[in-house]
Amino acid sequence: YLRLFLEFLNSQHNAQIDLLNYSNAQVVKEEGKIDILIKGFKHAIIVENKIYGASDRDRQLSRYFKTVVGKNYNCDAIVYLRLNGNVPPNMTGWKTQEMDDVNQRLKIICAYDGADDGTEKDLLKGWITKCRDRSKKNSDAYHILRQYGDIIKKLGRNTMNKPTMEEFYQDLIKEDKDFKTALSLKNMLNELHNYEVDRIAE
C-alpha cells in the first residue's frame, strides 16, 4: 500500500520521491501532532488530513516541516488531503521562507473529484481503488478498502451537491412564481414514468 501511495505521488502529483529511501519505512500517526508521518531512511513525508473539513491551525504545515527537518529528515513532500477541490492551506501571516519551504513540497490532493469512479489524480482512484484491487486475496482488507472508498465517494458527492443546491435556491426558489413552477416540474417528473407506460400501451 505504501509503495502504491508513493507511486501515486510521483506519477500523478509530480513528486520526486526515491522509493529506495522508503524501502524500510515506518508510518506513524500523531507524531509531533502530524496526522500521518511516513519515515524512511533520512527522508520523510508529511500527510495532513483535511478530508473531514478541519480548519488550518496557525502555521500548521510550516511547524510540521520544521519538526521533521529538526529530526534530521529531508522532507520529500507535504500531502494536503481535501475531500474535493484543490483549495490550498491558509498561509495568512506566514513569512516568505515558511511559504517557500511548504510550497516547494506541497501536494494538494482531493479524495474524490466527482467523476463516477474518480480520476487518477484523486485519492479514490489513484490509490484506494488500486490498494483494494491488490487485496483480493485478503478479504478483510478488500472489504475495508471498498467500504472506505464508498464512504469517500458519498461524502464527496454530498459536499459537491451543496453549492449546486445553494445556486438553485438563490436563482429559483426565492421568487414565489419560480417556486410554483419548480413544484409543477417536480409533479410532472413524478408522473413521467406513468406517462411513458401509457404511451407504450397506446
N, C-alpha and C. Protein backbone atom coordinates (compact mmCIF):
# COMPACT_ATOMS: atom_id res chain seq x y z
N TYR A 1 0.83 -1.21 0.00
CA TYR A 1 0.00 0.00 0.00
C TYR A 1 0.86 1.26 0.00
N LEU A 2 1.93 1.21 0.79
CA LEU A 2 2.82 2.38 0.86
C LEU A 2 3.49 2.62 -0.49
N ARG A 3 3.95 1.55 -1.12
CA ARG A 3 4.58 1.70 -2.42
C ARG A 3 3.60 2.30 -3.43
N LEU A 4 2.36 1.83 -3.41
CA LEU A 4 1.34 2.37 -4.31
C LEU A 4 1.11 3.85 -4.04
N PHE A 5 1.15 4.23 -2.77
CA PHE A 5 0.95 5.63 -2.41
C PHE A 5 2.09 6.50 -2.94
N LEU A 6 3.32 6.03 -2.77
CA LEU A 6 4.48 6.78 -3.25
C LEU A 6 4.48 6.87 -4.78
N GLU A 7 4.10 5.78 -5.44
CA GLU A 7 4.00 5.80 -6.90
C GLU A 7 2.91 6.77 -7.35
N PHE A 8 1.82 6.81 -6.62
CA PHE A 8 0.72 7.75 -6.89
C PHE A 8 1.21 9.19 -6.79
N LEU A 9 1.98 9.52 -5.75
CA LEU A 9 2.51 10.87 -5.59
C LEU A 9 3.45 11.22 -6.75
N ASN A 10 4.28 10.27 -7.13
CA ASN A 10 5.24 10.54 -8.21
C ASN A 10 4.54 10.68 -9.57
N SER A 11 3.67 9.75 -9.90
CA SER A 11 3.10 9.73 -11.25
C SER A 11 2.00 10.76 -11.45
N GLN A 12 1.21 11.02 -10.42
CA GLN A 12 0.05 11.90 -10.59
C GLN A 12 0.24 13.30 -10.00
N HIS A 13 1.24 13.47 -9.13
CA HIS A 13 1.40 14.76 -8.46
C HIS A 13 2.83 15.29 -8.53
N ASN A 14 3.58 14.77 -9.48
CA ASN A 14 4.92 15.30 -9.79
C ASN A 14 5.86 15.35 -8.60
N ALA A 15 5.70 14.42 -7.67
CA ALA A 15 6.67 14.32 -6.58
C ALA A 15 7.95 13.68 -7.12
N GLN A 16 9.03 13.92 -6.46
CA GLN A 16 10.33 13.35 -6.87
C GLN A 16 10.84 12.46 -5.75
N ILE A 17 10.06 11.44 -5.42
CA ILE A 17 10.39 10.58 -4.28
C ILE A 17 11.13 9.35 -4.78
N ASP A 18 12.30 9.11 -4.18
CA ASP A 18 13.07 7.91 -4.48
C ASP A 18 12.54 6.79 -3.58
N LEU A 19 11.90 5.80 -4.17
CA LEU A 19 11.27 4.74 -3.39
C LEU A 19 12.27 3.95 -2.56
N LEU A 20 13.54 3.93 -2.99
CA LEU A 20 14.57 3.22 -2.22
C LEU A 20 14.75 3.83 -0.83
N ASN A 21 14.49 5.14 -0.71
CA ASN A 21 14.61 5.79 0.60
C ASN A 21 13.52 5.34 1.56
N TYR A 22 12.49 4.64 1.05
CA TYR A 22 11.36 4.22 1.89
C TYR A 22 11.19 2.70 1.88
N SER A 23 12.27 1.99 1.58
CA SER A 23 12.17 0.53 1.50
C SER A 23 11.89 -0.11 2.86
N ASN A 24 12.30 0.53 3.94
CA ASN A 24 12.01 0.03 5.29
C ASN A 24 11.32 1.13 6.11
N ALA A 25 10.32 1.73 5.51
CA ALA A 25 9.69 2.91 6.12
C ALA A 25 8.80 2.54 7.29
N GLN A 26 8.62 3.52 8.15
CA GLN A 26 7.64 3.46 9.24
C GLN A 26 6.55 4.47 8.94
N VAL A 27 5.31 4.11 9.22
CA VAL A 27 4.19 5.04 9.08
C VAL A 27 3.59 5.22 10.46
N VAL A 28 3.63 6.45 10.97
CA VAL A 28 3.16 6.71 12.33
C VAL A 28 2.10 7.81 12.33
N LYS A 29 1.23 7.75 13.34
CA LYS A 29 0.18 8.75 13.49
C LYS A 29 0.49 9.67 14.66
N GLU A 30 0.18 10.94 14.45
CA GLU A 30 0.21 11.95 15.52
C GLU A 30 1.59 12.11 16.17
N GLU A 31 2.65 11.84 15.45
CA GLU A 31 3.98 12.13 15.98
C GLU A 31 4.25 13.61 15.77
N GLY A 32 4.48 14.34 16.83
CA GLY A 32 4.64 15.79 16.74
C GLY A 32 3.37 16.46 16.22
N LYS A 33 2.21 15.85 16.52
CA LYS A 33 0.88 16.32 16.10
C LYS A 33 0.64 16.22 14.60
N ILE A 34 1.55 15.58 13.87
CA ILE A 34 1.39 15.38 12.43
C ILE A 34 0.41 14.21 12.24
N ASP A 35 -0.62 14.41 11.42
CA ASP A 35 -1.64 13.37 11.24
C ASP A 35 -1.01 12.03 10.88
N ILE A 36 -0.24 12.02 9.77
CA ILE A 36 0.46 10.81 9.36
C ILE A 36 1.86 11.22 8.92
N LEU A 37 2.85 10.52 9.44
CA LEU A 37 4.24 10.79 9.07
C LEU A 37 4.85 9.51 8.53
N ILE A 38 5.32 9.58 7.29
CA ILE A 38 5.98 8.44 6.66
C ILE A 38 7.48 8.69 6.77
N LYS A 39 8.17 7.81 7.51
CA LYS A 39 9.59 8.00 7.78
C LYS A 39 10.41 6.91 7.11
N GLY A 40 11.27 7.33 6.20
CA GLY A 40 12.19 6.41 5.56
C GLY A 40 13.60 6.63 6.08
N PHE A 41 14.59 6.27 5.27
CA PHE A 41 15.97 6.46 5.66
C PHE A 41 16.37 7.92 5.40
N LYS A 42 16.38 8.72 6.44
CA LYS A 42 16.72 10.15 6.38
C LYS A 42 15.77 10.96 5.49
N HIS A 43 14.63 10.39 5.17
CA HIS A 43 13.63 11.07 4.35
C HIS A 43 12.26 10.89 4.98
N ALA A 44 11.39 11.87 4.77
CA ALA A 44 10.05 11.78 5.38
C ALA A 44 9.01 12.48 4.50
N ILE A 45 7.77 12.08 4.69
CA ILE A 45 6.63 12.68 4.01
C ILE A 45 5.57 13.00 5.06
N ILE A 46 5.10 14.23 5.03
CA ILE A 46 4.05 14.68 5.94
C ILE A 46 2.71 14.53 5.24
N VAL A 47 1.73 13.95 5.94
CA VAL A 47 0.37 13.86 5.40
C VAL A 47 -0.57 14.56 6.38
N GLU A 48 -1.21 15.62 5.90
CA GLU A 48 -2.19 16.36 6.70
C GLU A 48 -3.58 16.06 6.15
N ASN A 49 -4.42 15.46 6.99
CA ASN A 49 -5.74 15.01 6.57
C ASN A 49 -6.80 16.07 6.86
N LYS A 50 -7.32 16.68 5.79
CA LYS A 50 -8.41 17.65 5.92
C LYS A 50 -9.68 17.13 5.23
N ILE A 51 -9.77 15.82 5.06
CA ILE A 51 -10.93 15.24 4.37
C ILE A 51 -12.22 15.60 5.10
N TYR A 52 -12.18 15.67 6.41
CA TYR A 52 -13.41 15.96 7.17
C TYR A 52 -13.58 17.44 7.47
N GLY A 53 -12.82 18.28 6.77
CA GLY A 53 -13.09 19.72 6.80
C GLY A 53 -12.51 20.49 7.96
N ALA A 54 -11.55 19.93 8.69
CA ALA A 54 -10.94 20.67 9.79
C ALA A 54 -10.22 21.90 9.26
N SER A 55 -10.24 22.97 10.02
CA SER A 55 -9.57 24.20 9.58
C SER A 55 -8.08 24.13 9.92
N ASP A 56 -7.30 24.97 9.24
CA ASP A 56 -5.86 25.01 9.48
C ASP A 56 -5.56 25.74 10.78
N ARG A 57 -4.65 25.19 11.56
CA ARG A 57 -4.17 25.91 12.73
C ARG A 57 -3.04 26.84 12.29
N ASP A 58 -2.71 27.79 13.13
CA ASP A 58 -1.72 28.81 12.78
C ASP A 58 -0.39 28.17 12.41
N ARG A 59 0.07 28.45 11.17
CA ARG A 59 1.37 27.98 10.67
C ARG A 59 1.54 26.46 10.81
N GLN A 60 0.46 25.75 10.70
CA GLN A 60 0.45 24.31 10.96
C GLN A 60 1.47 23.55 10.11
N LEU A 61 1.39 23.68 8.80
CA LEU A 61 2.29 22.92 7.93
C LEU A 61 3.73 23.38 8.07
N SER A 62 3.92 24.67 8.29
CA SER A 62 5.28 25.18 8.48
C SER A 62 5.90 24.59 9.76
N ARG A 63 5.10 24.50 10.81
CA ARG A 63 5.61 23.91 12.07
C ARG A 63 5.94 22.44 11.88
N TYR A 64 5.10 21.73 11.14
CA TYR A 64 5.37 20.32 10.89
C TYR A 64 6.66 20.14 10.08
N PHE A 65 6.83 20.99 9.09
CA PHE A 65 8.05 20.93 8.28
C PHE A 65 9.28 21.13 9.17
N LYS A 66 9.23 22.14 10.04
CA LYS A 66 10.37 22.42 10.93
C LYS A 66 10.61 21.26 11.89
N THR A 67 9.54 20.60 12.35
CA THR A 67 9.68 19.44 13.23
C THR A 67 10.42 18.31 12.53
N VAL A 68 10.04 18.04 11.29
CA VAL A 68 10.65 16.95 10.52
C VAL A 68 12.11 17.25 10.22
N VAL A 69 12.38 18.47 9.76
CA VAL A 69 13.77 18.87 9.46
C VAL A 69 14.60 18.87 10.73
N GLY A 70 14.00 19.27 11.84
CA GLY A 70 14.70 19.28 13.13
C GLY A 70 15.11 17.89 13.60
N LYS A 71 14.47 16.86 13.06
CA LYS A 71 14.84 15.48 13.39
C LYS A 71 15.77 14.89 12.34
N ASN A 72 16.36 15.78 11.53
CA ASN A 72 17.35 15.40 10.51
C ASN A 72 16.79 14.54 9.38
N TYR A 73 15.55 14.81 9.02
CA TYR A 73 14.95 14.18 7.84
C TYR A 73 14.90 15.20 6.70
N ASN A 74 15.07 14.73 5.49
CA ASN A 74 14.74 15.53 4.31
C ASN A 74 13.25 15.35 4.06
N CYS A 75 12.52 16.45 3.99
CA CYS A 75 11.08 16.37 3.75
C CYS A 75 10.83 16.32 2.24
N ASP A 76 10.40 15.17 1.73
CA ASP A 76 10.20 14.99 0.29
C ASP A 76 8.87 15.54 -0.20
N ALA A 77 7.85 15.52 0.65
CA ALA A 77 6.53 16.01 0.23
C ALA A 77 5.69 16.33 1.45
N ILE A 78 4.80 17.30 1.25
CA ILE A 78 3.77 17.62 2.24
C ILE A 78 2.43 17.41 1.54
N VAL A 79 1.76 16.33 1.91
CA VAL A 79 0.50 15.96 1.28
C VAL A 79 -0.63 16.59 2.07
N TYR A 80 -1.46 17.36 1.37
CA TYR A 80 -2.57 18.09 1.99
C TYR A 80 -3.86 17.52 1.40
N LEU A 81 -4.52 16.65 2.16
CA LEU A 81 -5.70 15.95 1.66
C LEU A 81 -6.97 16.74 1.89
N ARG A 82 -7.71 16.97 0.83
CA ARG A 82 -9.03 17.61 0.88
C ARG A 82 -10.07 16.60 0.41
N LEU A 83 -11.31 16.77 0.84
CA LEU A 83 -12.37 15.88 0.36
C LEU A 83 -12.55 16.06 -1.14
N ASN A 84 -12.68 17.31 -1.58
CA ASN A 84 -12.71 17.60 -3.01
C ASN A 84 -12.19 19.01 -3.23
N GLY A 85 -11.90 19.32 -4.46
CA GLY A 85 -11.32 20.63 -4.77
C GLY A 85 -9.84 20.66 -4.46
N ASN A 86 -9.23 21.79 -4.76
CA ASN A 86 -7.78 21.92 -4.54
C ASN A 86 -7.46 23.23 -3.83
N VAL A 87 -8.27 23.57 -2.83
CA VAL A 87 -8.05 24.80 -2.06
C VAL A 87 -6.78 24.64 -1.23
N PRO A 88 -5.85 25.59 -1.34
CA PRO A 88 -4.59 25.48 -0.61
C PRO A 88 -4.76 25.77 0.88
N PRO A 89 -3.77 25.43 1.69
CA PRO A 89 -3.83 25.76 3.11
C PRO A 89 -3.80 27.26 3.34
N ASN A 90 -4.30 27.67 4.47
CA ASN A 90 -4.30 29.09 4.85
C ASN A 90 -2.89 29.50 5.29
N MET A 91 -2.28 30.42 4.55
CA MET A 91 -0.93 30.88 4.86
C MET A 91 -0.92 32.34 5.30
N THR A 92 -2.03 32.81 5.81
CA THR A 92 -2.12 34.19 6.27
C THR A 92 -1.08 34.45 7.36
N GLY A 93 -0.28 35.49 7.17
CA GLY A 93 0.71 35.88 8.18
C GLY A 93 2.00 35.10 8.13
N TRP A 94 2.15 34.19 7.18
CA TRP A 94 3.37 33.41 7.08
C TRP A 94 4.51 34.27 6.55
N LYS A 95 5.72 33.95 6.96
CA LYS A 95 6.91 34.58 6.40
C LYS A 95 7.21 33.96 5.03
N THR A 96 7.93 34.71 4.21
CA THR A 96 8.24 34.25 2.86
C THR A 96 8.95 32.91 2.87
N GLN A 97 9.92 32.73 3.77
CA GLN A 97 10.67 31.48 3.84
C GLN A 97 9.76 30.31 4.22
N GLU A 98 8.84 30.55 5.13
CA GLU A 98 7.90 29.50 5.53
C GLU A 98 7.05 29.06 4.34
N MET A 99 6.55 30.02 3.58
CA MET A 99 5.75 29.70 2.39
C MET A 99 6.57 28.93 1.36
N ASP A 100 7.81 29.38 1.15
CA ASP A 100 8.67 28.70 0.18
C ASP A 100 8.94 27.25 0.60
N ASP A 101 9.26 27.05 1.88
CA ASP A 101 9.56 25.70 2.37
C ASP A 101 8.38 24.75 2.13
N VAL A 102 7.17 25.23 2.40
CA VAL A 102 5.98 24.38 2.25
C VAL A 102 5.59 24.24 0.78
N ASN A 103 5.51 25.36 0.05
CA ASN A 103 5.02 25.31 -1.33
C ASN A 103 5.89 24.46 -2.25
N GLN A 104 7.20 24.41 -1.98
CA GLN A 104 8.09 23.59 -2.81
C GLN A 104 7.76 22.10 -2.69
N ARG A 105 7.11 21.71 -1.61
CA ARG A 105 6.84 20.30 -1.34
C ARG A 105 5.35 19.96 -1.33
N LEU A 106 4.52 20.99 -1.42
CA LEU A 106 3.08 20.83 -1.20
C LEU A 106 2.39 20.08 -2.35
N LYS A 107 1.62 19.06 -2.00
CA LYS A 107 0.80 18.31 -2.94
C LYS A 107 -0.64 18.34 -2.41
N ILE A 108 -1.48 19.15 -3.06
CA ILE A 108 -2.88 19.24 -2.65
C ILE A 108 -3.63 18.15 -3.40
N ILE A 109 -4.21 17.23 -2.66
CA ILE A 109 -4.86 16.07 -3.27
C ILE A 109 -6.30 15.99 -2.76
N CYS A 110 -7.23 15.85 -3.69
CA CYS A 110 -8.62 15.67 -3.26
C CYS A 110 -8.91 14.17 -3.16
N ALA A 111 -9.75 13.83 -2.20
CA ALA A 111 -10.10 12.43 -2.01
C ALA A 111 -10.98 11.93 -3.13
N TYR A 112 -11.90 12.81 -3.62
CA TYR A 112 -12.83 12.41 -4.67
C TYR A 112 -13.17 13.63 -5.49
N ASP A 113 -12.97 13.53 -6.81
CA ASP A 113 -13.13 14.72 -7.65
C ASP A 113 -14.47 14.81 -8.37
N GLY A 114 -15.36 13.85 -8.13
CA GLY A 114 -16.70 13.96 -8.68
C GLY A 114 -16.99 13.09 -9.87
N ALA A 115 -15.97 12.58 -10.54
CA ALA A 115 -16.21 11.64 -11.63
C ALA A 115 -16.78 10.34 -11.04
N ASP A 116 -17.48 9.54 -11.85
CA ASP A 116 -18.16 8.35 -11.33
C ASP A 116 -17.25 7.50 -10.43
N ASP A 117 -16.08 7.18 -10.92
CA ASP A 117 -15.15 6.38 -10.13
C ASP A 117 -13.89 7.15 -9.79
N GLY A 118 -13.96 8.47 -9.88
CA GLY A 118 -12.79 9.29 -9.61
C GLY A 118 -11.88 9.37 -10.83
N THR A 119 -10.78 10.07 -10.66
CA THR A 119 -9.76 10.14 -11.71
C THR A 119 -8.43 9.71 -11.10
N GLU A 120 -7.45 9.48 -11.96
CA GLU A 120 -6.16 9.01 -11.47
C GLU A 120 -5.50 9.97 -10.49
N LYS A 121 -5.89 11.25 -10.53
CA LYS A 121 -5.26 12.24 -9.64
C LYS A 121 -5.88 12.26 -8.24
N ASP A 122 -7.09 11.73 -8.08
CA ASP A 122 -7.69 11.78 -6.75
C ASP A 122 -7.32 10.53 -5.94
N LEU A 123 -7.51 10.63 -4.63
CA LEU A 123 -7.09 9.57 -3.72
C LEU A 123 -7.89 8.29 -3.96
N LEU A 124 -9.15 8.44 -4.34
CA LEU A 124 -10.01 7.27 -4.52
C LEU A 124 -9.49 6.37 -5.64
N LYS A 125 -9.41 6.91 -6.84
CA LYS A 125 -9.00 6.08 -7.98
C LYS A 125 -7.48 5.92 -8.05
N GLY A 126 -6.77 6.98 -7.68
CA GLY A 126 -5.32 6.94 -7.79
C GLY A 126 -4.64 6.05 -6.78
N TRP A 127 -5.33 5.79 -5.63
CA TRP A 127 -4.66 4.99 -4.60
C TRP A 127 -5.58 3.96 -3.95
N ILE A 128 -6.73 4.39 -3.38
CA ILE A 128 -7.57 3.46 -2.61
C ILE A 128 -8.05 2.31 -3.48
N THR A 129 -8.54 2.61 -4.68
CA THR A 129 -9.04 1.56 -5.57
C THR A 129 -7.93 0.59 -5.95
N LYS A 130 -6.72 1.11 -6.16
CA LYS A 130 -5.59 0.24 -6.51
C LYS A 130 -5.21 -0.67 -5.34
N CYS A 131 -5.25 -0.10 -4.12
CA CYS A 131 -4.99 -0.93 -2.93
C CYS A 131 -6.04 -2.02 -2.79
N ARG A 132 -7.30 -1.63 -3.01
CA ARG A 132 -8.40 -2.61 -2.94
C ARG A 132 -8.17 -3.75 -3.94
N ASP A 133 -7.83 -3.38 -5.17
CA ASP A 133 -7.65 -4.40 -6.21
C ASP A 133 -6.48 -5.33 -5.93
N ARG A 134 -5.47 -4.83 -5.22
CA ARG A 134 -4.33 -5.68 -4.85
C ARG A 134 -4.63 -6.57 -3.65
N SER A 135 -5.81 -6.38 -3.03
CA SER A 135 -6.12 -7.06 -1.76
C SER A 135 -7.13 -8.18 -1.92
N LYS A 136 -7.34 -8.65 -3.14
CA LYS A 136 -8.40 -9.64 -3.37
C LYS A 136 -8.17 -10.95 -2.61
N LYS A 137 -6.93 -11.25 -2.28
CA LYS A 137 -6.65 -12.48 -1.52
C LYS A 137 -6.81 -12.27 -0.02
N ASN A 138 -7.00 -11.04 0.39
CA ASN A 138 -7.22 -10.73 1.81
C ASN A 138 -8.60 -10.09 1.92
N SER A 139 -9.61 -10.90 2.20
CA SER A 139 -10.99 -10.42 2.14
C SER A 139 -11.26 -9.28 3.12
N ASP A 140 -10.64 -9.32 4.31
CA ASP A 140 -10.86 -8.24 5.29
C ASP A 140 -10.37 -6.90 4.74
N ALA A 141 -9.13 -6.90 4.25
CA ALA A 141 -8.57 -5.66 3.70
C ALA A 141 -9.36 -5.21 2.49
N TYR A 142 -9.74 -6.14 1.63
CA TYR A 142 -10.50 -5.81 0.42
C TYR A 142 -11.80 -5.10 0.79
N HIS A 143 -12.54 -5.64 1.74
CA HIS A 143 -13.84 -5.07 2.10
C HIS A 143 -13.69 -3.73 2.83
N ILE A 144 -12.68 -3.61 3.66
CA ILE A 144 -12.44 -2.33 4.34
C ILE A 144 -12.14 -1.23 3.32
N LEU A 145 -11.26 -1.53 2.37
CA LEU A 145 -10.90 -0.54 1.35
C LEU A 145 -12.08 -0.22 0.44
N ARG A 146 -12.87 -1.22 0.10
CA ARG A 146 -14.05 -0.98 -0.74
C ARG A 146 -15.04 -0.08 -0.01
N GLN A 147 -15.28 -0.38 1.28
CA GLN A 147 -16.23 0.43 2.04
C GLN A 147 -15.71 1.85 2.27
N TYR A 148 -14.39 1.98 2.51
CA TYR A 148 -13.83 3.31 2.70
C TYR A 148 -13.95 4.13 1.42
N GLY A 149 -13.71 3.48 0.28
CA GLY A 149 -13.88 4.16 -1.00
C GLY A 149 -15.31 4.63 -1.20
N ASP A 150 -16.28 3.77 -0.83
CA ASP A 150 -17.69 4.14 -0.96
C ASP A 150 -18.04 5.33 -0.06
N ILE A 151 -17.48 5.34 1.15
CA ILE A 151 -17.74 6.45 2.08
C ILE A 151 -17.19 7.76 1.51
N ILE A 152 -15.97 7.71 1.00
CA ILE A 152 -15.36 8.93 0.43
C ILE A 152 -16.18 9.44 -0.75
N LYS A 153 -16.64 8.52 -1.59
CA LYS A 153 -17.45 8.91 -2.75
C LYS A 153 -18.76 9.57 -2.28
N LYS A 154 -19.39 8.97 -1.28
CA LYS A 154 -20.66 9.51 -0.77
C LYS A 154 -20.44 10.89 -0.14
N LEU A 155 -19.42 11.01 0.68
CA LEU A 155 -19.12 12.31 1.31
C LEU A 155 -18.83 13.37 0.25
N GLY A 156 -18.05 12.99 -0.75
CA GLY A 156 -17.69 13.93 -1.82
C GLY A 156 -18.90 14.40 -2.60
N ARG A 157 -19.79 13.47 -2.93
CA ARG A 157 -20.99 13.83 -3.68
C ARG A 157 -21.88 14.75 -2.86
N ASN A 158 -22.04 14.46 -1.57
CA ASN A 158 -22.88 15.30 -0.71
C ASN A 158 -22.33 16.71 -0.62
N THR A 159 -21.01 16.83 -0.49
CA THR A 159 -20.39 18.15 -0.38
C THR A 159 -20.54 18.93 -1.68
N MET A 160 -20.36 18.23 -2.82
CA MET A 160 -20.45 18.92 -4.10
C MET A 160 -21.89 19.32 -4.42
N ASN A 161 -22.87 18.62 -3.84
CA ASN A 161 -24.26 18.96 -4.11
C ASN A 161 -24.68 20.25 -3.40
N LYS A 162 -24.01 20.61 -2.30
CA LYS A 162 -24.40 21.80 -1.54
C LYS A 162 -24.30 23.09 -2.34
N PRO A 163 -23.17 23.36 -3.05
CA PRO A 163 -23.12 24.58 -3.87
C PRO A 163 -24.18 24.60 -4.96
N THR A 164 -24.45 23.43 -5.56
CA THR A 164 -25.47 23.37 -6.60
C THR A 164 -26.84 23.71 -6.03
N MET A 165 -27.15 23.17 -4.85
CA MET A 165 -28.43 23.44 -4.21
C MET A 165 -28.54 24.92 -3.82
N GLU A 166 -27.44 25.48 -3.36
CA GLU A 166 -27.45 26.91 -2.99
C GLU A 166 -27.71 27.78 -4.22
N GLU A 167 -27.07 27.44 -5.32
CA GLU A 167 -27.28 28.19 -6.56
C GLU A 167 -28.73 28.06 -7.02
N PHE A 168 -29.26 26.85 -6.95
CA PHE A 168 -30.66 26.61 -7.31
C PHE A 168 -31.59 27.45 -6.43
N TYR A 169 -31.28 27.46 -5.14
CA TYR A 169 -32.11 28.23 -4.19
C TYR A 169 -32.07 29.72 -4.52
N GLN A 170 -30.87 30.24 -4.73
CA GLN A 170 -30.71 31.67 -4.98
C GLN A 170 -31.39 32.09 -6.29
N ASP A 171 -31.26 31.25 -7.32
CA ASP A 171 -31.77 31.63 -8.64
C ASP A 171 -33.25 31.36 -8.83
N LEU A 172 -33.79 30.39 -8.11
CA LEU A 172 -35.13 29.92 -8.45
C LEU A 172 -36.13 30.04 -7.31
N ILE A 173 -35.76 29.55 -6.16
CA ILE A 173 -36.74 29.36 -5.10
C ILE A 173 -37.17 30.67 -4.45
N LYS A 174 -36.31 31.69 -4.46
CA LYS A 174 -36.67 32.94 -3.76
C LYS A 174 -37.89 33.61 -4.38
N GLU A 175 -38.09 33.44 -5.68
CA GLU A 175 -39.25 34.03 -6.34
C GLU A 175 -40.43 33.06 -6.24
N ASP A 176 -41.57 33.56 -5.71
CA ASP A 176 -42.72 32.69 -5.49
C ASP A 176 -43.19 32.04 -6.78
N LYS A 177 -43.21 32.80 -7.88
CA LYS A 177 -43.66 32.27 -9.17
C LYS A 177 -42.74 31.13 -9.61
N ASP A 178 -41.42 31.33 -9.47
CA ASP A 178 -40.46 30.30 -9.86
C ASP A 178 -40.59 29.06 -8.98
N PHE A 179 -40.90 29.29 -7.71
CA PHE A 179 -41.08 28.16 -6.78
C PHE A 179 -42.26 27.30 -7.22
N LYS A 180 -43.35 27.95 -7.62
CA LYS A 180 -44.53 27.20 -8.09
C LYS A 180 -44.22 26.45 -9.37
N THR A 181 -43.42 27.06 -10.25
CA THR A 181 -43.00 26.38 -11.48
C THR A 181 -42.17 25.14 -11.16
N ALA A 182 -41.26 25.28 -10.18
CA ALA A 182 -40.41 24.15 -9.78
C ALA A 182 -41.26 23.02 -9.21
N LEU A 183 -42.27 23.35 -8.41
CA LEU A 183 -43.16 22.31 -7.86
C LEU A 183 -43.93 21.61 -8.98
N SER A 184 -44.37 22.39 -9.97
CA SER A 184 -45.09 21.79 -11.10
C SER A 184 -44.19 20.82 -11.85
N LEU A 185 -42.93 21.23 -12.07
CA LEU A 185 -41.97 20.35 -12.75
C LEU A 185 -41.75 19.07 -11.96
N LYS A 186 -41.64 19.21 -10.63
CA LYS A 186 -41.44 18.03 -9.78
C LYS A 186 -42.61 17.07 -9.94
N ASN A 187 -43.83 17.59 -9.89
CA ASN A 187 -45.01 16.73 -10.03
C ASN A 187 -45.05 16.06 -11.40
N MET A 188 -44.67 16.82 -12.43
CA MET A 188 -44.67 16.25 -13.77
C MET A 188 -43.62 15.14 -13.90
N LEU A 189 -42.45 15.34 -13.29
CA LEU A 189 -41.42 14.31 -13.32
C LEU A 189 -41.88 13.05 -12.59
N ASN A 190 -42.61 13.24 -11.50
CA ASN A 190 -43.12 12.09 -10.75
C ASN A 190 -44.09 11.27 -11.61
N GLU A 191 -44.82 11.94 -12.50
CA GLU A 191 -45.80 11.27 -13.34
C GLU A 191 -45.22 10.79 -14.67
N LEU A 192 -43.95 11.15 -14.92
CA LEU A 192 -43.37 10.85 -16.23
C LEU A 192 -43.35 9.36 -16.53
N HIS A 193 -43.05 8.54 -15.52
CA HIS A 193 -42.97 7.10 -15.74
C HIS A 193 -44.34 6.55 -16.17
N ASN A 194 -45.39 6.97 -15.48
CA ASN A 194 -46.74 6.51 -15.84
C ASN A 194 -47.11 6.96 -17.26
N TYR A 195 -46.69 8.17 -17.61
CA TYR A 195 -46.96 8.69 -18.94
C TYR A 195 -46.28 7.83 -20.01
N GLU A 196 -45.02 7.44 -19.72
CA GLU A 196 -44.30 6.58 -20.66
C GLU A 196 -45.00 5.24 -20.84
N VAL A 197 -45.50 4.67 -19.73
CA VAL A 197 -46.22 3.41 -19.80
C VAL A 197 -47.46 3.55 -20.68
N ASP A 198 -48.19 4.65 -20.48
CA ASP A 198 -49.39 4.88 -21.28
C ASP A 198 -49.05 5.01 -22.77
N ARG A 199 -47.93 5.69 -23.07
CA ARG A 199 -47.53 5.85 -24.47
C ARG A 199 -47.19 4.50 -25.10
N ILE A 200 -46.49 3.67 -24.34
CA ILE A 200 -46.14 2.33 -24.85
C ILE A 200 -47.41 1.53 -25.11
N ALA A 201 -48.36 1.61 -24.16
CA ALA A 201 -49.63 0.88 -24.31
C ALA A 201 -50.39 1.35 -25.56
N GLU A 202 -50.38 2.67 -25.79
CA GLU A 202 -51.06 3.20 -26.98
C GLU A 202 -50.37 2.73 -28.25
